[in-house]
Protein backbone atom coordinates (compact mmCIF):
# COMPACT_ATOMS: atom_id res chain seq x y z
CA MET A 1 83.50 27.75 -38.69
CA ASN A 2 83.81 23.66 -37.04
CA ARG A 3 80.39 21.72 -36.77
CA LEU A 4 81.13 21.26 -33.35
CA ILE A 5 81.72 24.53 -32.27
CA ALA A 6 79.11 26.23 -34.41
CA LEU A 7 76.54 23.60 -32.67
CA THR A 8 77.44 24.47 -29.27
CA GLN A 9 77.65 28.16 -29.74
CA GLN A 10 74.49 28.01 -31.52
CA LEU A 11 73.10 26.13 -28.58
CA ARG A 12 73.68 28.31 -25.70
CA ALA A 13 73.05 31.60 -28.42
CA ASP A 14 69.08 29.69 -28.86
CA ASN A 15 68.74 28.80 -24.54
CA ARG A 16 68.72 24.99 -25.60
CA ARG A 17 70.49 21.85 -24.63
CA GLY A 18 71.21 18.83 -26.63
CA LEU A 19 71.59 15.41 -26.32
CA ALA A 20 75.08 13.14 -27.82
CA PRO A 21 75.02 9.46 -28.15
CA TYR A 22 77.96 7.27 -27.90
CA LEU A 23 78.23 4.70 -30.58
CA THR A 24 81.04 1.59 -30.60
CA ALA A 25 82.08 1.64 -33.98
CA GLY A 26 81.67 -1.42 -35.46
CA ASP A 27 79.50 -3.04 -33.14
CA GLY A 28 77.38 -4.73 -35.34
CA GLY A 29 79.50 -3.62 -38.25
CA LEU A 30 80.11 -1.08 -39.64
CA GLU A 31 77.14 -0.34 -42.31
CA SER A 32 75.15 -0.78 -39.32
CA THR A 33 77.00 2.20 -37.40
CA LEU A 34 76.44 4.44 -40.77
CA ARG A 35 72.41 3.90 -40.70
CA GLU A 36 72.40 4.61 -36.74
CA LEU A 37 74.04 7.78 -37.37
CA GLN A 38 71.54 8.83 -40.45
CA ALA A 39 68.77 7.12 -38.05
CA MET A 40 69.94 9.48 -34.48
CA GLU A 41 71.07 12.47 -36.57
CA GLN A 42 67.24 12.84 -37.75
CA ALA A 43 65.85 11.55 -35.17
CA GLY A 44 67.00 15.02 -33.00
CA ALA A 45 70.64 13.84 -32.06
CA ALA A 46 72.88 17.43 -31.49
CA CYS A 47 76.34 15.45 -32.06
CA VAL A 48 77.64 12.02 -31.65
CA GLU A 49 80.71 10.50 -29.88
CA LEU A 50 82.32 8.16 -32.26
CA GLY A 51 83.96 5.35 -30.65
CA VAL A 52 87.18 3.50 -31.98
CA PRO A 53 87.20 -0.03 -30.16
CA PHE A 54 90.40 -0.31 -28.64
CA SER A 55 91.60 -4.19 -26.69
CA ASP A 56 92.39 -2.40 -23.22
CA PRO A 57 89.37 0.32 -22.75
CA ILE A 58 90.68 1.42 -19.32
CA ALA A 59 87.55 3.75 -18.76
CA ASP A 60 84.64 1.67 -19.91
CA GLY A 61 82.24 -0.39 -18.06
CA PRO A 62 81.77 -4.20 -18.96
CA HIS A 63 79.46 -3.31 -21.79
CA LEU A 64 81.79 -0.85 -23.68
CA GLN A 65 84.68 -3.40 -23.22
CA ALA A 66 82.47 -6.24 -24.47
CA ALA A 67 80.95 -3.50 -27.17
CA ALA A 68 84.71 -2.93 -28.39
CA GLN A 69 85.89 -6.54 -27.99
CA ARG A 70 83.16 -6.98 -30.67
CA SER A 71 83.81 -4.91 -32.94
CA LEU A 72 87.20 -5.58 -32.87
CA ASP A 73 86.60 -9.50 -33.19
CA ALA A 74 84.55 -8.16 -36.51
CA GLY A 75 87.41 -6.58 -38.03
CA THR A 76 86.91 -2.90 -37.58
CA ASN A 77 89.98 -0.39 -37.59
CA LEU A 78 90.47 3.25 -37.65
CA PRO A 79 90.94 3.14 -41.55
CA ALA A 80 87.71 1.45 -42.17
CA ILE A 81 86.19 4.07 -39.89
CA LEU A 82 87.16 7.14 -41.16
CA SER A 83 85.91 5.83 -44.70
CA MET A 84 82.62 5.09 -43.12
CA VAL A 85 82.00 8.30 -41.60
CA LYS A 86 83.40 9.87 -45.45
CA ASP A 87 80.45 8.06 -46.24
CA PHE A 88 78.33 9.35 -43.88
CA ARG A 89 79.52 12.97 -45.08
CA SER A 90 78.71 11.99 -48.77
CA ALA A 91 75.12 11.07 -48.32
CA GLY A 92 74.77 14.64 -46.71
CA GLY A 93 75.37 14.01 -42.59
CA SER A 94 75.80 16.87 -41.05
CA MET A 95 75.92 16.11 -37.27
CA PRO A 96 78.93 17.08 -35.28
CA ILE A 97 81.31 13.51 -34.76
CA ALA A 98 83.65 13.52 -31.91
CA LEU A 99 86.11 10.64 -32.29
CA MET A 100 86.55 9.29 -28.95
CA SER A 101 89.92 6.86 -29.11
CA TYR A 102 92.45 5.51 -26.79
CA VAL A 103 96.09 7.49 -28.15
CA ASN A 104 97.83 3.99 -28.88
CA PRO A 105 95.62 3.41 -32.33
CA LEU A 106 96.26 7.19 -33.42
CA MET A 107 100.12 7.05 -32.80
CA ARG A 108 100.37 4.28 -35.18
CA GLN A 109 101.16 6.62 -38.03
CA GLY A 110 102.03 9.28 -36.53
CA LEU A 111 99.58 11.93 -34.43
CA SER A 112 99.68 14.58 -36.50
CA ALA A 113 99.20 12.75 -39.61
CA THR A 114 96.30 10.56 -38.37
CA VAL A 115 94.88 14.15 -36.63
CA ALA A 116 94.86 15.20 -40.53
CA ARG A 117 93.29 12.01 -41.76
CA LEU A 118 90.36 12.71 -39.19
CA SER A 119 89.94 15.82 -40.21
CA ALA A 120 90.04 14.84 -44.10
CA ALA A 121 87.08 12.01 -43.26
CA GLY A 122 84.73 14.85 -41.76
CA VAL A 123 85.52 14.56 -38.36
CA ASP A 124 85.10 17.58 -35.86
CA ALA A 125 86.46 16.63 -32.57
CA LEU A 126 89.07 14.45 -30.98
CA ILE A 127 88.88 12.68 -27.24
CA ILE A 128 91.26 10.59 -26.12
CA PRO A 129 90.80 9.61 -22.56
CA ASP A 130 94.15 8.22 -21.47
CA LEU A 131 95.89 11.23 -22.60
CA PRO A 132 96.76 13.69 -19.55
CA LEU A 133 96.28 17.40 -20.09
CA GLU A 134 100.00 17.30 -19.07
CA GLU A 135 100.40 15.60 -22.22
CA GLY A 136 97.92 17.59 -24.31
CA ALA A 137 100.04 19.82 -26.30
CA PRO A 138 100.77 17.91 -29.34
CA LEU A 139 97.04 17.12 -29.57
CA GLU A 140 96.16 20.69 -29.64
CA ALA A 141 98.69 21.43 -31.94
CA ALA A 142 97.55 18.78 -34.60
CA CYS A 143 94.11 20.03 -34.28
CA GLU A 144 94.76 23.53 -34.68
CA ALA A 145 96.36 23.13 -37.87
CA ASN A 146 93.50 20.61 -38.91
CA ASP A 147 90.36 22.80 -37.86
CA LEU A 148 89.50 19.78 -34.89
CA CYS A 149 88.49 20.44 -31.33
CA PRO A 150 90.37 18.96 -28.95
CA VAL A 151 88.52 18.00 -26.02
CA PHE A 152 89.66 17.65 -22.62
CA PHE A 153 88.31 16.07 -19.58
CA ALA A 154 87.11 17.22 -15.74
CA ALA A 155 86.08 15.60 -12.83
CA PRO A 156 84.14 15.79 -9.53
CA THR A 157 87.99 15.20 -7.80
CA SER A 158 89.54 17.98 -10.23
CA SER A 159 90.59 21.48 -8.93
CA GLU A 160 89.11 24.41 -9.90
CA SER A 161 92.58 25.30 -11.64
CA ARG A 162 92.69 21.99 -13.35
CA VAL A 163 89.32 22.29 -14.75
CA LYS A 164 89.53 26.23 -15.67
CA GLU A 165 92.86 24.95 -17.70
CA ALA A 166 91.32 22.14 -19.00
CA GLY A 167 87.69 24.61 -20.39
CA ARG A 168 90.72 26.68 -21.98
CA ARG A 169 92.50 24.27 -24.39
CA SER A 170 89.34 22.42 -24.84
CA ARG A 171 87.42 23.32 -27.88
CA GLY A 172 83.44 22.62 -28.60
CA PHE A 173 83.43 20.77 -25.26
CA LEU A 174 85.06 20.29 -22.42
CA TYR A 175 83.87 16.67 -21.11
CA VAL A 176 83.00 16.63 -17.61
CA VAL A 177 82.55 13.30 -16.13
CA GLY A 178 79.65 12.92 -14.09
CA ARG A 179 81.18 10.57 -11.24
CA VAL A 180 84.22 9.35 -10.83
CA GLY A 181 84.98 5.53 -12.06
CA VAL A 182 84.43 4.12 -15.39
CA THR A 183 81.33 3.97 -17.94
CA GLY A 184 78.05 2.00 -16.62
CA VAL A 185 77.28 3.00 -13.21
CA ALA A 186 74.06 5.36 -13.32
CA THR A 187 75.11 9.51 -11.96
CA SER A 188 73.25 10.28 -9.53
CA PHE A 189 71.97 14.08 -10.10
CA ASP A 190 72.05 14.93 -6.67
CA GLU A 191 72.43 18.36 -4.76
CA ASP A 192 76.38 17.37 -4.45
CA THR A 193 76.67 16.78 -8.30
CA GLN A 194 75.14 19.98 -9.20
CA SER A 195 77.01 21.80 -7.37
CA PHE A 196 79.99 20.46 -9.12
CA LEU A 197 78.20 20.99 -12.49
CA GLU A 198 77.77 24.26 -11.85
CA ARG A 199 80.51 25.11 -10.81
CA THR A 200 82.29 23.52 -13.67
CA ARG A 201 80.35 25.17 -15.87
CA ALA A 202 81.15 29.10 -14.64
CA TRP A 203 84.95 28.17 -14.29
CA SER A 204 84.97 26.25 -18.00
CA GLU A 205 85.81 28.87 -21.17
CA ALA A 206 84.21 25.85 -23.59
CA PRO A 207 80.73 24.59 -23.53
CA ILE A 208 79.91 21.86 -20.76
CA ALA A 209 79.16 18.24 -22.10
CA VAL A 210 78.65 15.73 -19.23
CA GLY A 211 79.13 12.10 -19.53
CA PHE A 212 79.05 8.56 -17.34
CA GLY A 213 76.17 6.97 -15.88
CA ILE A 214 73.28 8.65 -18.25
CA GLY A 215 70.52 6.08 -19.27
CA THR A 216 67.32 7.50 -18.75
CA ALA A 217 65.13 11.04 -19.65
CA ASP A 218 65.55 11.62 -16.12
CA HIS A 219 69.37 11.42 -16.45
CA VAL A 220 69.67 13.96 -19.53
CA ARG A 221 67.12 16.17 -17.50
CA GLY A 222 69.28 16.17 -14.75
CA ALA A 223 72.87 16.52 -16.41
CA VAL A 224 71.90 19.25 -18.49
CA ARG A 225 70.75 21.87 -15.50
CA HIS A 226 74.55 22.94 -15.73
CA ALA A 227 75.48 21.42 -18.92
CA ASP A 228 74.61 22.23 -22.91
CA LEU A 229 75.21 18.00 -23.46
CA ALA A 230 74.25 15.03 -21.96
CA ILE A 231 76.32 11.96 -23.08
CA VAL A 232 74.44 8.74 -23.36
CA GLY A 233 76.54 5.90 -23.90
CA THR A 234 76.27 2.27 -22.10
CA ALA A 235 72.61 1.98 -22.13
CA LEU A 236 72.55 3.55 -25.94
CA VAL A 237 75.16 0.35 -26.69
CA GLN A 238 73.44 -1.85 -24.98
CA HIS A 239 70.39 -1.38 -25.57
CA LEU A 240 71.17 -1.90 -29.51
CA HIS A 241 72.99 -4.91 -28.90
CA GLU A 242 70.08 -6.56 -27.52
CA VAL A 243 68.37 -5.19 -30.28
CA GLU A 244 70.43 -6.96 -33.25
CA LEU A 245 70.45 -10.28 -30.51
CA GLU A 246 66.71 -10.86 -31.19
CA ARG A 247 67.11 -9.70 -34.97
CA GLY A 248 65.77 -6.34 -34.58
CA ASN A 249 66.26 -3.21 -36.81
CA ARG A 250 69.17 -1.41 -34.77
CA ALA A 251 68.88 1.99 -36.46
CA VAL A 252 65.32 2.01 -35.62
CA ALA A 253 65.92 1.31 -32.22
CA ALA A 254 68.58 4.23 -32.31
CA ALA A 255 66.04 6.27 -33.61
CA ASN A 256 63.66 5.39 -31.11
CA MET A 257 66.05 5.86 -28.17
CA VAL A 258 66.99 9.37 -29.46
CA HIS A 259 63.56 10.51 -29.29
CA ALA A 260 63.04 8.86 -25.47
CA LEU A 261 65.95 10.25 -24.13
CA THR A 262 65.31 13.91 -25.54
CA LYS A 263 61.90 14.36 -24.08
CA GLY A 264 64.84 14.96 -20.67
CA LEU A 265 65.59 17.94 -22.77
CA LYS A 266 62.17 19.66 -22.94
């Protein structure tokens, strides 16, 4: 069974919630990314969202844009990222990996061929924020042929019918945006947001992962009241960059932040 599906099924069977950190692959170097993946798995991360750097990341706020540019400036590309993922799997890493990429890098050699390479490297799911649901059929077909999970989005502005369709067509989890806008701005998990998440959980056939603006243990706690996973991106990426500037150990910092954030799950 696909690792991400097995994880989310087990979380629901055990009535547990999980933390899904986000890393920009190659920010700090791919060798550092590998160590960070290993450290976060050991620290208790349920799965990871691994971002492919892109020159025009329209859904990302300034911190993730800067991380993508640092990675691109270091020469990071998709083949090198997949080689690193292979190294993670070869070293015994079993944590599910959901690759987040804008559509352009995936289309250069054809979507079907690229998805096959993702699967062979050890990727479990594919998230494409600039691929509309209406154009998602080729992604679904390629993922089905290679045992990958296609992940679609729902937002507070989504209609009930659209949430239901996105949840039906997603595998592993449905990515629920906690608020409208780009990454990096804190989400308030007030009663309106919780009502939206509760409705989305009821409407979606897939488990729920909530992202955008989650950066503290309190945020995590609020996110998982009606969700299975809390995705933490900007806060972690920026923290690791600051640690690097201070010549600290990024992998240790990643593990420590996972420990701190999972307090919101207890």
